[in-house]
Structure formats: C-alpha cells, structure tokens
Amino acid sequence: MSGKKNGSDASVPAVIEEAPSALVVPDSGNFLAANFSRERLDRFLDELGEGISDAPEDNLVPSIRILQNNSPEVQPGPAQLVGAKASDFLLKNSPIPFVPGSEGFLFVPCFDEHVWCEYRPRREGGGYQGESPEEPKDVEKVYDEREKKTTFVRPNGNEVQETRRRFGLVVTTIGLLKFAVTYKGTGHSEFRAMNTRMSQLLHPTAGRPYPSYAHVWRFTSRFRQKNNFTWYGYEHVCERASTEVEEEAGRAFRTAWKASKVKAVVEDLADEEGRAQIEGTPRGGPPRPAGGVGMEDRPFSPLDAERPF
C-alpha cells in the first residue's frame, strides 16, 4: 500500500485523519507503540519500513468473513473469540479481531477475482486443495444424502466451490489495511448487486463508471432466510467519495494486482461463511443475536431489486 502524502515515504502507511467513520484500532492492537519511549519512536521515523519487504509478491492479503451460528469463533472451545457473535465480521490477522455486523466497516474496493476452490470433503477431515481460474471440466453435481445438500464433486471426491473475492482497503484509524472479502453460494448475488451499483456511478462528463476506488462503501451483515435455513450475508452501501489518500492507495493496490503479484490468504475448509451461504443453518439452531438487522426489520435498500430472494 502506498502511503505517500505531502512528500512522505511511500512505504509508510498513511493515517486516515480526514476520513470519517474509520474503524478505531484499540491501543492494545498497536502494541509496539506502547513498548517504546517517545525518544525511540522519534528515532525510528527516519528508518520506517527498513528490513521489511513491501513487495506485493512477499505479502499475503488476509480475508474477511461473516461469523455464522456454526462458526468455531462463536462456539465454546479453543477457537472462541470472547464477545464475538454470529453476524459479526472476522478480520483475519489484523489488530481488529472482529467488528459488529450492524456497524460494519468502510471499504475501498480495488479489484476482484473469480475462481473455483477445491476442498477435501469435511467428513474426511477437510482441507484446501487449491484453486483454478476456470471451472474444472470434470466436476459433477451430486446430492449428498447424508448432509442433505447439493455439491460439485471431482472424480477424486473433492468438492469444488465457485468463489468470488473482492480485494480492497479497510479504513481504520491507523491506516488502510488490505483485505479480501469472499463470496460463495448465495453470496454471488450480493457480489453482483454491488457490482451493478458500482457500474451505475457514472463520471459526469465521460458518462462511464468511475474506477472502483473512487468511492468508499460500508459493508454490514444482514440476516437472511430461505425455506428452513438461515444465515448472514453482506449488505453494501456506497457511503462517500474516497479521499485523495484512499484513491492513491487503491490505485497502487490495483496496479500491483494487474502485475499478478497479489495473493489472497486461503483459509482452511473450516469456512462456515461459505458453507452457510451455500446450505444455510437449519431454523431452530442458535438464536439470532439481539440487534441484528433482518429482512423483516430493516429499511428497504435499492440493492434489494437485485436479490433473488
């Protein structure tokens, strides 16, 4: 990410002071600052970034996903996050472990990718097995009687999930953090809805869409229900124009991607969001958290016209 502003070094992350509603990073998240005296902090100013590669090919982009009722992070056990609940956003490998779904976060979209991810079946221990930019030609649509769901299976028994990722920058009080938001199952319709809205934001003289990083979007989660299944999906609302710092950083991130140097962190098969988007959670399971925004208690959104249900 480029943080260059007013002649400062481009490797230094920019603090987003002018951007409203930035995610607040708690003091404990920036633990390094708490361990240094003011004198030492000042001494480091001329050496920021030294010894750390900022080359895109040497850095991975962590993911964001919505916690579901069956996510380990909301269930008693070693993976539980104290205070997290279904509908919250999990921000992997960041100083902000999770964000309330009703509050959400500001996101500068930069680019996206469409892939097919392969996983070992969950009953066999699970595990990510790779991905392809095209749908494998040998997949078969199979109905799993045991799990009561339809899956796409290769001859080797592995499952294939169509996946879209939207890469961008989360606006925080310590700078712009790179993340990839993943969409699977019914999430594809949410991805398309946002993409349609982006294509309708037209430059006033050229009459063509702005670049994606010209605007900042608020991502929140929403309760969804179909037949006997419930889950949480994405809600996207264009909140404001990007600042110059955000625009510059978004352009730099996209340029790195076009040079094929950006990779997403691929999570293990324990991806409850992806599975919930595909198969949902049976009604009568863990209750929906109080204060969540559902289909029946939220204001109408123009994006609803794009939703299949």
Protein backbone atom coordinates (compact mmCIF):
# COMPACT_ATOMS: atom_id res chain seq x y z
CA MET A 1 0.00 0.00 0.00
CA SER A 2 1.26 3.41 -0.83
CA GLY A 3 1.04 5.92 1.97
CA LYS A 4 2.82 8.70 0.17
CA LYS A 5 1.39 12.07 1.03
CA ASN A 6 2.91 15.54 1.14
CA GLY A 7 6.28 14.15 0.11
CA SER A 8 6.45 11.39 2.76
CA ASP A 9 7.96 7.98 2.08
CA ALA A 10 5.57 5.81 0.03
CA SER A 11 6.29 2.79 2.24
CA VAL A 12 4.79 4.44 5.33
CA PRO A 13 1.08 3.64 5.88
CA ALA A 14 -0.98 6.82 5.87
CA VAL A 15 -3.06 7.64 8.92
CA ILE A 16 -6.54 8.43 7.69
CA GLU A 17 -7.28 11.56 9.66
CA GLU A 18 -9.71 13.14 7.22
CA ALA A 19 -11.80 10.03 6.61
CA PRO A 20 -14.96 9.88 8.75
CA SER A 21 -16.16 6.68 10.43
CA ALA A 22 -12.78 4.93 10.28
CA LEU A 23 -12.55 1.71 12.30
CA VAL A 24 -10.94 2.52 15.63
CA VAL A 25 -7.97 0.30 16.39
CA PRO A 26 -7.67 -0.17 20.16
CA ASP A 27 -4.39 0.79 21.87
CA SER A 28 -3.71 -2.89 22.57
CA GLY A 29 -3.76 -3.56 18.83
CA ASN A 30 -0.86 -1.16 18.23
CA PHE A 31 1.14 -2.84 20.96
CA LEU A 32 4.55 -1.79 19.56
CA ALA A 33 3.91 1.88 20.25
CA ALA A 34 3.13 1.10 23.88
CA ASN A 35 6.52 -0.59 24.33
CA PHE A 36 8.70 2.30 23.13
CA SER A 37 9.62 5.62 24.67
CA ARG A 38 8.82 8.81 22.77
CA GLU A 39 12.54 9.28 22.12
CA ARG A 40 12.84 5.87 20.48
CA LEU A 41 9.65 6.36 18.46
CA ASP A 42 11.06 9.63 17.09
CA ARG A 43 14.38 7.95 16.26
CA PHE A 44 12.61 5.31 14.18
CA LEU A 45 10.96 7.95 11.96
CA ASP A 46 13.93 8.01 9.58
CA GLU A 47 14.02 4.21 9.33
CA LEU A 48 10.36 3.26 8.89
CA GLY A 49 9.92 0.04 6.94
CA GLU A 50 13.63 -0.85 6.96
CA GLY A 51 14.22 -4.62 6.87
CA ILE A 52 10.64 -5.41 5.84
CA SER A 53 9.80 -6.24 2.25
CA ASP A 54 6.93 -4.17 0.89
CA ALA A 55 6.97 -6.02 -2.43
CA PRO A 56 3.44 -7.29 -3.19
CA GLU A 57 4.76 -10.76 -4.04
CA ASP A 58 6.17 -11.05 -0.49
CA ASN A 59 2.91 -10.19 1.26
CA LEU A 60 -0.40 -12.03 1.50
CA VAL A 61 -3.82 -10.41 1.76
CA PRO A 62 -5.86 -11.70 4.73
CA SER A 63 -9.57 -12.37 4.43
CA ILE A 64 -12.77 -11.06 5.94
CA ARG A 65 -15.72 -13.32 6.57
CA ILE A 66 -19.03 -13.17 8.42
CA LEU A 67 -19.32 -15.31 11.54
CA GLN A 68 -22.23 -17.72 11.34
CA ASN A 69 -24.12 -19.60 14.06
CA ASN A 70 -21.89 -22.63 13.50
CA SER A 71 -18.57 -20.74 13.42
CA PRO A 72 -15.97 -22.00 15.93
CA GLU A 73 -15.33 -18.38 16.95
CA VAL A 74 -18.83 -18.10 18.47
CA GLN A 75 -19.00 -21.58 19.98
CA PRO A 76 -17.44 -22.70 23.30
CA GLY A 77 -13.98 -24.10 22.62
CA PRO A 78 -10.37 -23.16 21.91
CA ALA A 79 -11.24 -21.07 18.83
CA GLN A 80 -13.90 -18.97 20.56
CA LEU A 81 -13.47 -15.18 20.43
CA VAL A 82 -14.76 -13.58 23.60
CA GLY A 83 -17.54 -11.15 22.73
CA ALA A 84 -17.94 -12.27 19.11
CA LYS A 85 -21.34 -13.38 17.87
CA ALA A 86 -22.95 -14.62 14.69
CA SER A 87 -23.34 -11.72 12.20
CA ASP A 88 -20.01 -10.12 13.21
CA PHE A 89 -17.17 -9.73 10.72
CA LEU A 90 -13.97 -11.67 11.39
CA LEU A 91 -10.89 -9.75 10.20
CA LYS A 92 -8.12 -12.32 9.98
CA ASN A 93 -4.60 -11.39 11.06
CA SER A 94 -5.42 -7.80 11.97
CA PRO A 95 -5.30 -5.65 15.12
CA ILE A 96 -9.11 -5.63 14.98
CA PRO A 97 -10.19 -9.27 15.55
CA PHE A 98 -13.89 -8.72 14.81
CA VAL A 99 -16.37 -5.96 14.01
CA PRO A 100 -20.12 -5.91 14.87
CA GLY A 101 -22.14 -6.76 11.77
CA SER A 102 -24.66 -3.98 12.40
CA GLU A 103 -21.86 -1.39 12.49
CA GLY A 104 -19.72 -2.86 9.72
CA PHE A 105 -16.67 -1.21 8.22
CA LEU A 106 -15.67 1.19 5.43
CA PHE A 107 -14.11 -0.47 2.40
CA VAL A 108 -12.35 0.92 -0.69
CA PRO A 109 -12.86 -1.71 -3.44
CA CYS A 110 -9.86 -2.11 -5.74
CA PHE A 111 -10.30 -5.28 -7.83
CA ASP A 112 -11.88 -8.71 -7.77
CA GLU A 113 -11.25 -12.25 -8.91
CA HIS A 114 -13.40 -15.25 -9.83
CA VAL A 115 -12.02 -18.71 -9.02
CA TRP A 116 -13.06 -22.28 -8.27
CA CYS A 117 -11.68 -23.57 -4.96
CA GLU A 118 -11.21 -27.28 -4.28
CA TYR A 119 -11.60 -28.82 -0.81
CA ARG A 120 -11.32 -32.28 0.67
CA PRO A 121 -14.78 -33.33 1.98
CA ARG A 122 -15.47 -32.24 5.56
CA ARG A 123 -16.24 -35.83 6.64
CA GLU A 124 -12.70 -36.76 5.56
CA GLY A 125 -11.06 -34.04 7.62
CA GLY A 126 -11.40 -31.16 5.19
CA GLY A 127 -8.60 -29.03 3.82
CA TYR A 128 -7.98 -26.59 0.99
CA GLN A 129 -6.62 -28.38 -2.10
CA GLY A 130 -6.01 -25.50 -4.48
CA GLU A 131 -7.98 -23.38 -6.94
CA SER A 132 -8.40 -22.73 -10.64
CA PRO A 133 -9.38 -19.62 -12.63
CA GLU A 134 -11.83 -21.81 -14.58
CA GLU A 135 -14.42 -24.36 -13.52
CA PRO A 136 -12.88 -27.86 -13.69
CA LYS A 137 -14.35 -29.73 -16.64
CA ASP A 138 -14.67 -32.98 -14.69
CA VAL A 139 -16.99 -31.74 -11.90
CA GLU A 140 -20.29 -33.50 -11.31
CA LYS A 141 -23.34 -32.17 -9.49
CA VAL A 142 -24.06 -34.59 -6.66
CA TYR A 143 -26.74 -34.62 -3.98
CA ASP A 144 -25.31 -35.70 -0.63
CA GLU A 145 -27.98 -37.73 1.16
CA ARG A 146 -26.07 -37.69 4.44
CA GLU A 147 -25.69 -33.90 4.61
CA LYS A 148 -28.85 -33.11 2.60
CA LYS A 149 -27.17 -30.72 0.20
CA THR A 150 -26.00 -30.47 -3.41
CA THR A 151 -22.26 -30.29 -4.03
CA PHE A 152 -19.97 -30.15 -7.05
CA VAL A 153 -17.56 -33.07 -6.89
CA ARG A 154 -14.48 -34.09 -8.86
CA PRO A 155 -13.64 -37.73 -9.63
CA ASN A 156 -11.15 -37.68 -6.73
CA GLY A 157 -14.03 -36.96 -4.33
CA ASN A 158 -13.03 -33.35 -3.60
CA GLU A 159 -15.69 -30.64 -3.52
CA VAL A 160 -15.46 -27.56 -5.72
CA GLN A 161 -16.87 -24.18 -4.68
CA GLU A 162 -17.29 -21.28 -7.07
CA THR A 163 -15.73 -18.30 -5.29
CA ARG A 164 -15.52 -14.57 -5.84
CA ARG A 165 -13.14 -12.33 -3.91
CA ARG A 166 -13.29 -8.56 -3.67
CA PHE A 167 -9.93 -7.07 -2.74
CA GLY A 168 -9.73 -3.66 -1.16
CA LEU A 169 -8.74 -1.43 1.75
CA VAL A 170 -10.45 -1.25 5.14
CA VAL A 171 -10.41 2.29 6.53
CA THR A 172 -9.02 2.36 10.10
CA THR A 173 -7.54 4.95 12.42
CA ILE A 174 -4.03 3.53 11.85
CA GLY A 175 -4.26 3.47 8.07
CA LEU A 176 -5.68 1.49 5.17
CA LEU A 177 -5.48 -2.26 5.72
CA LYS A 178 -5.58 -4.66 2.76
CA PHE A 179 -8.22 -7.41 2.87
CA ALA A 180 -10.09 -9.80 0.59
CA VAL A 181 -13.85 -10.31 1.09
CA THR A 182 -15.00 -13.76 -0.02
CA TYR A 183 -18.36 -14.60 -1.63
CA LYS A 184 -19.72 -18.12 -2.14
CA GLY A 185 -23.14 -19.67 -2.73
CA THR A 186 -25.85 -17.03 -2.35
CA GLY A 187 -23.05 -14.52 -1.81
CA HIS A 188 -22.59 -14.36 -5.58
CA SER A 189 -25.87 -12.45 -5.88
CA GLU A 190 -24.65 -9.98 -3.24
CA PHE A 191 -21.40 -9.52 -5.16
CA ARG A 192 -23.30 -8.90 -8.41
CA ALA A 193 -25.64 -6.42 -6.72
CA MET A 194 -22.72 -4.30 -5.56
CA ASN A 195 -21.03 -4.60 -8.93
CA THR A 196 -24.20 -3.40 -10.65
CA ARG A 197 -24.43 -0.39 -8.35
CA MET A 198 -20.76 0.44 -8.97
CA SER A 199 -21.36 0.40 -12.72
CA GLN A 200 -24.16 2.95 -12.25
CA LEU A 201 -21.90 5.53 -10.57
CA LEU A 202 -21.02 7.50 -13.70
CA HIS A 203 -18.47 10.23 -14.30
CA PRO A 204 -20.49 13.42 -15.04
CA THR A 205 -18.67 14.34 -18.28
CA ALA A 206 -17.41 10.98 -19.58
CA GLY A 207 -20.64 9.12 -18.84
CA ARG A 208 -18.73 5.99 -17.85
CA PRO A 209 -18.25 4.36 -14.42
CA TYR A 210 -15.67 5.75 -12.03
CA PRO A 211 -12.79 3.47 -11.03
CA SER A 212 -13.82 1.31 -8.07
CA TYR A 213 -11.50 3.14 -5.66
CA ALA A 214 -13.23 6.49 -6.31
CA HIS A 215 -15.84 5.61 -3.67
CA VAL A 216 -15.92 4.14 -0.17
CA TRP A 217 -18.55 1.56 0.75
CA ARG A 218 -19.95 0.48 4.09
CA PHE A 219 -20.18 -3.29 4.49
CA THR A 220 -22.64 -4.60 7.07
CA SER A 221 -24.14 -8.03 7.60
CA ARG A 222 -27.78 -8.95 7.16
CA PHE A 223 -29.91 -11.81 8.38
CA ARG A 224 -31.25 -13.98 5.57
CA GLN A 225 -33.69 -16.85 5.44
CA LYS A 226 -34.87 -19.26 2.79
CA ASN A 227 -37.19 -22.17 3.48
CA ASN A 228 -35.87 -23.80 6.66
CA PHE A 229 -32.39 -22.30 6.53
CA THR A 230 -30.96 -19.05 7.91
CA TRP A 231 -27.59 -17.33 7.58
CA TYR A 232 -25.92 -13.93 7.45
CA GLY A 233 -24.92 -12.27 4.19
CA TYR A 234 -23.42 -8.98 3.04
CA GLU A 235 -25.09 -5.61 2.68
CA HIS A 236 -23.18 -2.96 0.68
CA VAL A 237 -23.98 0.76 0.67
CA CYS A 238 -21.94 3.44 -1.11
CA GLU A 239 -21.19 5.88 1.70
CA ARG A 240 -18.98 8.63 0.27
CA ALA A 241 -16.29 9.63 -2.21
CA SER A 242 -12.79 8.42 -1.39
CA THR A 243 -10.17 10.83 -0.07
CA GLU A 244 -7.03 11.51 -2.10
CA VAL A 245 -5.05 9.20 0.19
CA GLU A 246 -7.58 6.41 -0.27
CA GLU A 247 -7.67 6.93 -4.03
CA GLU A 248 -3.88 6.78 -4.31
CA ALA A 249 -3.63 3.66 -2.16
CA GLY A 250 -6.45 1.95 -4.08
CA ARG A 251 -4.80 2.72 -7.42
CA ALA A 252 -1.47 1.33 -6.16
CA PHE A 253 -3.14 -1.86 -4.89
CA ARG A 254 -4.87 -2.42 -8.21
CA THR A 255 -1.63 -1.78 -10.11
CA ALA A 256 0.10 -4.47 -8.04
CA TRP A 257 -2.72 -6.89 -8.82
CA LYS A 258 -2.50 -6.20 -12.56
CA ALA A 259 1.16 -7.15 -12.31
CA SER A 260 -0.06 -10.52 -10.89
CA LYS A 261 1.77 -10.01 -7.62
CA VAL A 262 -1.14 -10.11 -5.18
CA LYS A 263 -2.25 -13.30 -3.47
CA ALA A 264 -5.09 -13.89 -1.02
CA VAL A 265 -4.66 -15.85 2.16
CA VAL A 266 -6.63 -19.04 1.61
CA GLU A 267 -8.38 -20.26 4.73
CA ASP A 268 -8.88 -23.84 5.73
CA LEU A 269 -12.07 -25.75 4.98
CA ALA A 270 -13.46 -24.50 8.29
CA ASP A 271 -15.15 -21.75 6.28
CA GLU A 272 -18.57 -21.56 7.89
CA GLU A 273 -19.50 -18.45 5.95
CA GLY A 274 -19.05 -20.17 2.62
CA ARG A 275 -20.97 -23.24 3.73
CA ALA A 276 -23.72 -21.18 5.31
CA GLN A 277 -24.10 -19.17 2.11
CA ILE A 278 -24.48 -22.44 0.23
CA GLU A 279 -26.56 -24.53 2.60
CA GLY A 280 -27.60 -22.25 5.47
CA THR A 281 -28.21 -23.21 9.10
CA PRO A 282 -31.45 -25.06 9.94
CA ARG A 283 -34.04 -22.91 11.68
CA GLY A 284 -34.27 -23.67 15.35
CA GLY A 285 -30.48 -23.63 15.67
CA PRO A 286 -28.58 -20.98 17.66
CA PRO A 287 -30.70 -17.82 18.02
CA ARG A 288 -30.10 -14.70 16.01
CA PRO A 289 -28.21 -12.10 18.10
CA ALA A 290 -30.24 -9.24 19.53
CA GLY A 291 -29.98 -6.09 17.47
CA GLY A 292 -29.21 -7.87 14.22
CA VAL A 293 -30.70 -6.45 11.04
CA GLY A 294 -33.08 -8.85 9.36
CA MET A 295 -35.20 -8.95 6.23
CA GLU A 296 -38.31 -8.09 8.21
CA ASP A 297 -36.93 -5.25 10.39
CA ARG A 298 -34.61 -3.19 8.21
CA PRO A 299 -35.34 -0.31 5.79
CA PHE A 300 -35.67 -1.09 2.10
CA SER A 301 -32.43 -0.94 0.13
CA PRO A 302 -32.23 -0.21 -3.62
CA LEU A 303 -30.00 -3.29 -3.82
CA ASP A 304 -32.99 -5.47 -2.91
CA ALA A 305 -34.07 -5.31 -6.53
CA GLU A 306 -31.01 -7.41 -7.37
CA ARG A 307 -31.67 -10.08 -4.74
CA PRO A 308 -33.11 -13.44 -5.86
CA PHE A 309 -34.96 -13.89 -2.56
